[in-house]
């Protein structure tokens, strides 16, 4: 039994289009794509892999407890008070 091989594919054409660069007509397209590949490989750190493992382990699990709200109280204006004289 062999384990499945996983690959992550990135659309370099779409990525460079965000900068306005069309790899189909760019004279250095091959160099751009190879440089992008090398840089992405260098960005894969042990910390990044641990974070991905943690994300996968927690994916789909229900949260425990109540969700914390962004504000802890109401302002005076929300309560209906104003500073009018």
PDB file of N, CA and C in Angstrom:
ATOM      1  N   UNK A   1       0.840  -1.181   0.000  1.00  0.00           N
ATOM      2  CA  UNK A   1       0.000   0.000   0.000  1.00  0.00           C
ATOM      3  C   UNK A   1       0.886   1.246   0.000  1.00  0.00           C
ATOM      4  N   UNK A   2       0.647   2.121  -0.917  1.00  0.00           N
ATOM      5  CA  UNK A   2       1.438   3.345  -0.987  1.00  0.00           C
ATOM      6  C   UNK A   2       0.580   4.534  -0.577  1.00  0.00           C
ATOM      7  N   UNK A   3       1.229   5.478   0.038  1.00  0.00           N
ATOM      8  CA  UNK A   3       0.533   6.696   0.459  1.00  0.00           C
ATOM      9  C   UNK A   3       0.305   7.589  -0.758  1.00  0.00           C
ATOM     10  N   UNK A   4      -0.787   8.324  -0.767  1.00  0.00           N
ATOM     11  CA  UNK A   4      -1.034   9.222  -1.898  1.00  0.00           C
ATOM     12  C   UNK A   4       0.000  10.347  -1.927  1.00  0.00           C
ATOM     13  N   UNK A   5       0.327  10.810  -3.115  1.00  0.00           N
ATOM     14  CA  UNK A   5       1.242  11.934  -3.259  1.00  0.00           C
ATOM     15  C   UNK A   5       0.401  13.201  -3.372  1.00  0.00           C
ATOM     16  N   UNK A   6       0.761  14.175  -2.585  1.00  0.00           N
ATOM     17  CA  UNK A   6       0.026  15.433  -2.589  1.00  0.00           C
ATOM     18  C   UNK A   6       0.885  16.517  -3.234  1.00  0.00           C
ATOM     19  N   UNK A   7       0.269  17.312  -4.061  1.00  0.00           N
ATOM     20  CA  UNK A   7       0.945  18.438  -4.687  1.00  0.00           C
ATOM     21  C   UNK A   7       0.086  19.674  -4.525  1.00  0.00           C
ATOM     22  N   UNK A   8       0.749  20.775  -4.350  1.00  0.00           N
ATOM     23  CA  UNK A   8       0.062  22.059  -4.324  1.00  0.00           C
ATOM     24  C   UNK A   8       0.438  22.763  -5.617  1.00  0.00           C
ATOM     25  N   UNK A   9      -0.558  23.163  -6.359  1.00  0.00           N
ATOM     26  CA  UNK A   9      -0.309  23.857  -7.609  1.00  0.00           C
ATOM     27  C   UNK A   9      -0.744  25.309  -7.486  1.00  0.00           C
ATOM     28  N   UNK A  10       0.076  26.175  -8.024  1.00  0.00           N
ATOM     29  CA  UNK A  10      -0.218  27.602  -8.008  1.00  0.00           C
ATOM     30  C   UNK A  10      -0.246  28.077  -9.447  1.00  0.00           C
ATOM     31  N   UNK A  11      -1.254  28.833  -9.786  1.00  0.00           N
ATOM     32  CA  UNK A  11      -1.380  29.388 -11.128  1.00  0.00           C
ATOM     33  C   UNK A  11      -0.486  30.628 -11.211  1.00  0.00           C
ATOM     34  N   UNK A  12       0.723  30.430 -11.717  1.00  0.00           N
ATOM     35  CA  UNK A  12       1.677  31.526 -11.802  1.00  0.00           C
ATOM     36  C   UNK A  12       1.178  32.617 -12.732  1.00  0.00           C
ATOM     37  N   UNK A  13       0.499  32.230 -13.795  1.00  0.00           N
ATOM     38  CA  UNK A  13      -0.042  33.218 -14.737  1.00  0.00           C
ATOM     39  C   UNK A  13      -0.999  34.158 -14.004  1.00  0.00           C
ATOM     40  N   UNK A  14      -1.914  33.593 -13.210  1.00  0.00           N
ATOM     41  CA  UNK A  14      -2.869  34.412 -12.460  1.00  0.00           C
ATOM     42  C   UNK A  14      -2.162  35.264 -11.407  1.00  0.00           C
ATOM     43  N   UNK A  15      -1.146  34.698 -10.763  1.00  0.00           N
ATOM     44  CA  UNK A  15      -0.420  35.444  -9.736  1.00  0.00           C
ATOM     45  C   UNK A  15       0.284  36.658 -10.331  1.00  0.00           C
ATOM     46  N   UNK A  16       0.971  36.468 -11.446  1.00  0.00           N
ATOM     47  CA  UNK A  16       1.681  37.585 -12.064  1.00  0.00           C
ATOM     48  C   UNK A  16       0.729  38.580 -12.728  1.00  0.00           C
ATOM     49  N   UNK A  17      -0.443  38.118 -13.134  1.00  0.00           N
ATOM     50  CA  UNK A  17      -1.431  39.037 -13.728  1.00  0.00           C
ATOM     51  C   UNK A  17      -1.849  40.098 -12.718  1.00  0.00           C
ATOM     52  N   UNK A  18      -1.818  39.749 -11.420  1.00  0.00           N
ATOM     53  CA  UNK A  18      -2.165  40.723 -10.384  1.00  0.00           C
ATOM     54  C   UNK A  18      -1.221  41.919 -10.412  1.00  0.00           C
ATOM     55  N   UNK A  19      -0.011  41.693 -10.934  1.00  0.00           N
ATOM     56  CA  UNK A  19       0.964  42.776 -11.075  1.00  0.00           C
ATOM     57  C   UNK A  19       0.895  43.432 -12.446  1.00  0.00           C
ATOM     58  N   UNK A  20       0.043  42.901 -13.297  1.00  0.00           N
ATOM     59  CA  UNK A  20      -0.053  43.423 -14.654  1.00  0.00           C
ATOM     60  C   UNK A  20       0.937  42.777 -15.610  1.00  0.00           C
ATOM     61  N   UNK A  21       1.525  41.635 -15.210  1.00  0.00           N
ATOM     62  CA  UNK A  21       2.504  40.941 -16.041  1.00  0.00           C
ATOM     63  C   UNK A  21       1.826  39.738 -16.686  1.00  0.00           C
ATOM     64  N   UNK A  22       1.858  39.688 -18.010  1.00  0.00           N
ATOM     65  CA  UNK A  22       1.295  38.558 -18.749  1.00  0.00           C
ATOM     66  C   UNK A  22       2.434  37.617 -19.111  1.00  0.00           C
ATOM     67  N   UNK A  23       2.488  36.471 -18.458  1.00  0.00           N
ATOM     68  CA  UNK A  23       3.581  35.530 -18.700  1.00  0.00           C
ATOM     69  C   UNK A  23       3.577  34.976 -20.117  1.00  0.00           C
ATOM     70  N   UNK A  24       2.445  35.042 -20.789  1.00  0.00           N
ATOM     71  CA  UNK A  24       2.382  34.515 -22.151  1.00  0.00           C
ATOM     72  C   UNK A  24       3.203  35.355 -23.122  1.00  0.00           C
ATOM     73  N   UNK A  25       3.402  36.621 -22.800  1.00  0.00           N
ATOM     74  CA  UNK A  25       4.179  37.482 -23.686  1.00  0.00           C
ATOM     75  C   UNK A  25       5.439  38.028 -23.020  1.00  0.00           C
ATOM     76  N   UNK A  26       5.686  37.637 -21.797  1.00  0.00           N
ATOM     77  CA  UNK A  26       6.844  38.128 -21.049  1.00  0.00           C
ATOM     78  C   UNK A  26       8.103  37.380 -21.506  1.00  0.00           C
ATOM     79  N   UNK A  27       9.158  38.100 -21.923  1.00  0.00           N
ATOM     80  CA  UNK A  27      10.368  37.429 -22.400  1.00  0.00           C
ATOM     81  C   UNK A  27      11.126  36.670 -21.314  1.00  0.00           C
ATOM     82  N   UNK A  28      10.886  37.003 -20.053  1.00  0.00           N
ATOM     83  CA  UNK A  28      11.577  36.300 -18.964  1.00  0.00           C
ATOM     84  C   UNK A  28      10.609  35.458 -18.137  1.00  0.00           C
ATOM     85  N   UNK A  29       9.532  34.995 -18.739  1.00  0.00           N
ATOM     86  CA  UNK A  29       8.488  34.254 -18.026  1.00  0.00           C
ATOM     87  C   UNK A  29       9.047  33.023 -17.321  1.00  0.00           C
ATOM     88  N   UNK A  30       9.877  32.236 -18.000  1.00  0.00           N
ATOM     89  CA  UNK A  30      10.428  31.025 -17.385  1.00  0.00           C
ATOM     90  C   UNK A  30      11.238  31.358 -16.145  1.00  0.00           C
ATOM     91  N   UNK A  31      12.020  32.427 -16.220  1.00  0.00           N
ATOM     92  CA  UNK A  31      12.835  32.831 -15.069  1.00  0.00           C
ATOM     93  C   UNK A  31      11.952  33.316 -13.923  1.00  0.00           C
ATOM     94  N   UNK A  32      10.887  34.031 -14.256  1.00  0.00           N
ATOM     95  CA  UNK A  32       9.960  34.513 -13.222  1.00  0.00           C
ATOM     96  C   UNK A  32       9.318  33.342 -12.481  1.00  0.00           C
ATOM     97  N   UNK A  33       8.849  32.359 -13.231  1.00  0.00           N
ATOM     98  CA  UNK A  33       8.168  31.211 -12.627  1.00  0.00           C
ATOM     99  C   UNK A  33       9.143  30.397 -11.784  1.00  0.00           C
ATOM    100  N   UNK A  34      10.356  30.198 -12.277  1.00  0.00           N
ATOM    101  CA  UNK A  34      11.352  29.433 -11.522  1.00  0.00           C
ATOM    102  C   UNK A  34      11.735  30.163 -10.238  1.00  0.00           C
ATOM    103  N   UNK A  35      11.884  31.465 -10.310  1.00  0.00           N
ATOM    104  CA  UNK A  35      12.203  32.251  -9.118  1.00  0.00           C
ATOM    105  C   UNK A  35      11.074  32.180  -8.096  1.00  0.00           C
ATOM    106  N   UNK A  36       9.840  32.271  -8.575  1.00  0.00           N
ATOM    107  CA  UNK A  36       8.682  32.161  -7.680  1.00  0.00           C
ATOM    108  C   UNK A  36       8.665  30.797  -6.993  1.00  0.00           C
ATOM    109  N   UNK A  37       8.933  29.737  -7.757  1.00  0.00           N
ATOM    110  CA  UNK A  37       8.953  28.382  -7.190  1.00  0.00           C
ATOM    111  C   UNK A  37      10.008  28.268  -6.088  1.00  0.00           C
ATOM    112  N   UNK A  38      11.217  28.757  -6.368  1.00  0.00           N
ATOM    113  CA  UNK A  38      12.298  28.677  -5.368  1.00  0.00           C
ATOM    114  C   UNK A  38      11.946  29.471  -4.116  1.00  0.00           C
ATOM    115  N   UNK A  39      11.384  30.662  -4.301  1.00  0.00           N
ATOM    116  CA  UNK A  39      11.038  31.487  -3.142  1.00  0.00           C
ATOM    117  C   UNK A  39       9.944  30.841  -2.297  1.00  0.00           C
ATOM    118  N   UNK A  40       8.945  30.256  -2.943  1.00  0.00           N
ATOM    119  CA  UNK A  40       7.875  29.588  -2.200  1.00  0.00           C
ATOM    120  C   UNK A  40       8.412  28.389  -1.430  1.00  0.00           C
ATOM    121  N   UNK A  41       9.326  27.649  -2.038  1.00  0.00           N
ATOM    122  CA  UNK A  41       9.910  26.504  -1.334  1.00  0.00           C
ATOM    123  C   UNK A  41      10.684  26.950  -0.103  1.00  0.00           C
ATOM    124  N   UNK A  42      11.378  28.094  -0.187  1.00  0.00           N
ATOM    125  CA  UNK A  42      12.119  28.609   0.974  1.00  0.00           C
ATOM    126  C   UNK A  42      11.193  29.078   2.081  1.00  0.00           C
ATOM    127  N   UNK A  43       9.979  29.468   1.720  1.00  0.00           N
ATOM    128  CA  UNK A  43       9.029  29.948   2.728  1.00  0.00           C
ATOM    129  C   UNK A  43       8.414  28.819   3.557  1.00  0.00           C
ATOM    130  N   UNK A  44       8.582  27.590   3.108  1.00  0.00           N
ATOM    131  CA  UNK A  44       8.022  26.461   3.850  1.00  0.00           C
ATOM    132  C   UNK A  44       8.946  26.148   5.020  1.00  0.00           C
ATOM    133  N   UNK A  45       8.535  26.572   6.196  1.00  0.00           N
ATOM    134  CA  UNK A  45       9.319  26.380   7.411  1.00  0.00           C
ATOM    135  C   UNK A  45       8.643  25.341   8.299  1.00  0.00           C
ATOM    136  N   UNK A  46       9.370  24.909   9.302  1.00  0.00           N
ATOM    137  CA  UNK A  46       8.807  23.975  10.276  1.00  0.00           C
ATOM    138  C   UNK A  46       7.585  24.599  10.953  1.00  0.00           C
ATOM    139  N   UNK A  47       7.671  25.885  11.269  1.00  0.00           N
ATOM    140  CA  UNK A  47       6.553  26.584  11.904  1.00  0.00           C
ATOM    141  C   UNK A  47       5.323  26.601  11.017  1.00  0.00           C
ATOM    142  N   UNK A  48       5.524  26.854   9.734  1.00  0.00           N
ATOM    143  CA  UNK A  48       4.407  26.864   8.797  1.00  0.00           C
ATOM    144  C   UNK A  48       3.753  25.487   8.727  1.00  0.00           C
ATOM    145  N   UNK A  49       4.567  24.443   8.693  1.00  0.00           N
ATOM    146  CA  UNK A  49       4.028  23.081   8.636  1.00  0.00           C
ATOM    147  C   UNK A  49       3.269  22.730   9.917  1.00  0.00           C
ATOM    148  N   UNK A  50       3.812  23.134  11.073  1.00  0.00           N
ATOM    149  CA  UNK A  50       3.099  22.892  12.330  1.00  0.00           C
ATOM    150  C   UNK A  50       1.765  23.630  12.357  1.00  0.00           C
ATOM    151  N   UNK A  51       1.760  24.864  11.863  1.00  0.00           N
ATOM    152  CA  UNK A  51       0.516  25.630  11.800  1.00  0.00           C
ATOM    153  C   UNK A  51      -0.514  24.934  10.906  1.00  0.00           C
ATOM    154  N   UNK A  52      -0.059  24.398   9.775  1.00  0.00           N
ATOM    155  CA  UNK A  52      -0.967  23.688   8.870  1.00  0.00           C
ATOM    156  C   UNK A  52      -1.520  22.434   9.537  1.00  0.00           C
ATOM    157  N   UNK A  53      -0.683  21.718  10.278  1.00  0.00           N
ATOM    158  CA  UNK A  53      -1.158  20.535  11.011  1.00  0.00           C
ATOM    159  C   UNK A  53      -2.207  20.927  12.043  1.00  0.00           C
ATOM    160  N   UNK A  54      -1.947  22.008  12.767  1.00  0.00           N
ATOM    161  CA  UNK A  54      -2.903  22.483  13.766  1.00  0.00           C
ATOM    162  C   UNK A  54      -4.216  22.907  13.145  1.00  0.00           C
ATOM    163  N   UNK A  55      -4.138  23.622  12.022  1.00  0.00           N
ATOM    164  CA  UNK A  55      -5.363  24.042  11.330  1.00  0.00           C
ATOM    165  C   UNK A  55      -6.172  22.825  10.897  1.00  0.00           C
ATOM    166  N   UNK A  56      -5.481  21.823  10.362  1.00  0.00           N
ATOM    167  CA  UNK A  56      -6.177  20.623   9.885  1.00  0.00           C
ATOM    168  C   UNK A  56      -6.805  19.857  11.045  1.00  0.00           C
ATOM    169  N   UNK A  57      -6.109  19.815  12.173  1.00  0.00           N
ATOM    170  CA  UNK A  57      -6.627  19.086  13.330  1.00  0.00           C
ATOM    171  C   UNK A  57      -7.877  19.751  13.903  1.00  0.00           C
ATOM    172  N   UNK A  58      -7.948  21.066  13.787  1.00  0.00           N
ATOM    173  CA  UNK A  58      -9.094  21.790  14.345  1.00  0.00           C
ATOM    174  C   UNK A  58     -10.208  22.033  13.329  1.00  0.00           C
ATOM    175  N   UNK A  59      -9.965  21.736  12.083  1.00  0.00           N
ATOM    176  CA  UNK A  59     -10.970  21.974  11.038  1.00  0.00           C
ATOM    177  C   UNK A  59     -12.180  21.084  11.262  1.00  0.00           C
ATOM    178  N   UNK A  60     -13.343  21.679  11.222  1.00  0.00           N
ATOM    179  CA  UNK A  60     -14.578  20.915  11.341  1.00  0.00           C
ATOM    180  C   UNK A  60     -14.999  20.614  12.764  1.00  0.00           C
ATOM    181  N   UNK A  61     -14.158  20.937  13.739  1.00  0.00           N
ATOM    182  CA  UNK A  61     -14.533  20.689  15.132  1.00  0.00           C
ATOM    183  C   UNK A  61     -15.378  21.855  15.638  1.00  0.00           C
ATOM    184  N   UNK A  62     -16.437  21.558  16.368  1.00  0.00           N
ATOM    185  CA  UNK A  62     -17.242  22.652  16.920  1.00  0.00           C
ATOM    186  C   UNK A  62     -16.465  23.388  18.000  1.00  0.00           C
ATOM    187  N   UNK A  63     -16.721  24.688  18.100  1.00  0.00           N
ATOM    188  CA  UNK A  63     -16.061  25.490  19.129  1.00  0.00           C
ATOM    189  C   UNK A  63     -16.688  25.202  20.476  1.00  0.00           C
ATOM    190  N   UNK A  64     -15.873  25.213  21.496  1.00  0.00           N
ATOM    191  CA  UNK A  64     -16.376  25.033  22.855  1.00  0.00           C
ATOM    192  C   UNK A  64     -16.669  26.385  23.472  1.00  0.00           C
ATOM    193  N   UNK A  65     -17.715  26.465  24.226  1.00  0.00           N
ATOM    194  CA  UNK A  65     -18.054  27.694  24.927  1.00  0.00           C
ATOM    195  C   UNK A  65     -18.674  28.724  24.018  1.00  0.00           C
ATOM    196  N   UNK A  66     -18.969  29.867  24.609  1.00  0.00           N
ATOM    197  CA  UNK A  66     -19.588  30.944  23.853  1.00  0.00           C
ATOM    198  C   UNK A  66     -18.552  31.672  23.031  1.00  0.00           C
ATOM    199  N   UNK A  67     -18.991  32.204  21.928  1.00  0.00           N
ATOM    200  CA  UNK A  67     -18.131  33.041  21.112  1.00  0.00           C
ATOM    201  C   UNK A  67     -18.023  34.402  21.773  1.00  0.00           C
ATOM    202  N   UNK A  68     -16.802  34.901  21.911  1.00  0.00           N
ATOM    203  CA  UNK A  68     -16.585  36.196  22.540  1.00  0.00           C
ATOM    204  C   UNK A  68     -16.988  37.299  21.575  1.00  0.00           C
ATOM    205  N   UNK A  69     -17.672  38.314  22.088  1.00  0.00           N
ATOM    206  CA  UNK A  69     -18.070  39.415  21.225  1.00  0.00           C
ATOM    207  C   UNK A  69     -16.936  40.424  21.148  1.00  0.00           C
ATOM    208  N   UNK A  70     -16.983  41.262  20.143  1.00  0.00           N
ATOM    209  CA  UNK A  70     -15.936  42.254  19.928  1.00  0.00           C
ATOM    210  C   UNK A  70     -15.982  43.394  20.920  1.00  0.00           C
ATOM    211  N   UNK A  71     -17.156  43.719  21.477  1.00  0.00           N
ATOM    212  CA  UNK A  71     -17.234  44.823  22.430  1.00  0.00           C
ATOM    213  C   UNK A  71     -17.719  44.296  23.772  1.00  0.00           C
ATOM    214  N   UNK A  72     -17.234  44.944  24.828  1.00  0.00           N
ATOM    215  CA  UNK A  72     -17.579  44.488  26.166  1.00  0.00           C
ATOM    216  C   UNK A  72     -18.743  45.261  26.764  1.00  0.00           C
ATOM    217  N   UNK A  73     -19.089  46.376  26.183  1.00  0.00           N
ATOM    218  CA  UNK A  73     -20.194  47.158  26.723  1.00  0.00           C
ATOM    219  C   UNK A  73     -20.710  48.142  25.705  1.00  0.00           C
ATOM    220  N   UNK A  74     -21.770  48.827  26.056  1.00  0.00           N
ATOM    221  CA  UNK A  74     -22.357  49.793  25.146  1.00  0.00           C
ATOM    222  C   UNK A  74     -21.836  51.183  25.452  1.00  0.00           C
ATOM    223  N   UNK A  75     -21.766  52.010  24.453  1.00  0.00           N
ATOM    224  CA  UNK A  75     -21.381  53.398  24.675  1.00  0.00           C
ATOM    225  C   UNK A  75     -22.598  54.168  25.164  1.00  0.00           C
ATOM    226  N   UNK A  76     -22.354  55.376  25.630  1.00  0.00           N
ATOM    227  CA  UNK A  76     -23.464  56.184  26.120  1.00  0.00           C
ATOM    228  C   UNK A  76     -24.470  56.452  25.020  1.00  0.00           C
ATOM    229  N   UNK A  77     -24.004  56.672  23.807  1.00  0.00           N
ATOM    230  CA  UNK A  77     -24.920  56.971  22.720  1.00  0.00           C
ATOM    231  C   UNK A  77     -25.777  55.744  22.393  1.00  0.00           C
ATOM    232  N   UNK A  78     -25.202  54.556  22.504  1.00  0.00           N
ATOM    233  CA  UNK A  78     -25.970  53.357  22.251  1.00  0.00           C
ATOM    234  C   UNK A  78     -27.046  53.165  23.303  1.00  0.00           C
ATOM    235  N   UNK A  79     -26.773  53.642  24.512  1.00  0.00           N
ATOM    236  CA  UNK A  79     -27.741  53.525  25.591  1.00  0.00           C
ATOM    237  C   UNK A  79     -28.817  54.590  25.497  1.00  0.00           C
ATOM    238  N   UNK A  80     -28.659  55.567  24.628  1.00  0.00           N
ATOM    239  CA  UNK A  80     -29.654  56.617  24.493  1.00  0.00           C
ATOM    240  C   UNK A  80     -29.303  57.900  25.190  1.00  0.00           C
ATOM    241  N   UNK A  81     -28.139  57.976  25.835  1.00  0.00           N
ATOM    242  CA  UNK A  81     -27.706  59.189  26.534  1.00  0.00           C
ATOM    243  C   UNK A  81     -26.925  60.062  25.581  1.00  0.00           C
ATOM    244  N   UNK A  82     -27.109  61.367  25.714  1.00  0.00           N
ATOM    245  CA  UNK A  82     -26.322  62.322  24.941  1.00  0.00           C
ATOM    246  C   UNK A  82     -25.787  63.378  25.884  1.00  0.00           C
ATOM    247  N   UNK A  83     -24.800  64.100  25.436  1.00  0.00           N
ATOM    248  CA  UNK A  83     -24.206  65.161  26.258  1.00  0.00           C
ATOM    249  C   UNK A  83     -24.763  66.524  25.896  1.00  0.00           C
ATOM    250  N   UNK A  84     -26.061  66.645  25.707  1.00  0.00           N
ATOM    251  CA  UNK A  84     -26.671  67.916  25.360  1.00  0.00           C
ATOM    252  C   UNK A  84     -26.939  68.719  26.610  1.00  0.00           C
ATOM    253  N   UNK A  85     -26.755  70.058  26.519  1.00  0.00           N
ATOM    254  CA  UNK A  85     -26.981  70.919  27.673  1.00  0.00           C
ATOM    255  C   UNK A  85     -28.351  71.532  27.650  1.00  0.00           C
TER     256      UNK A  85
END
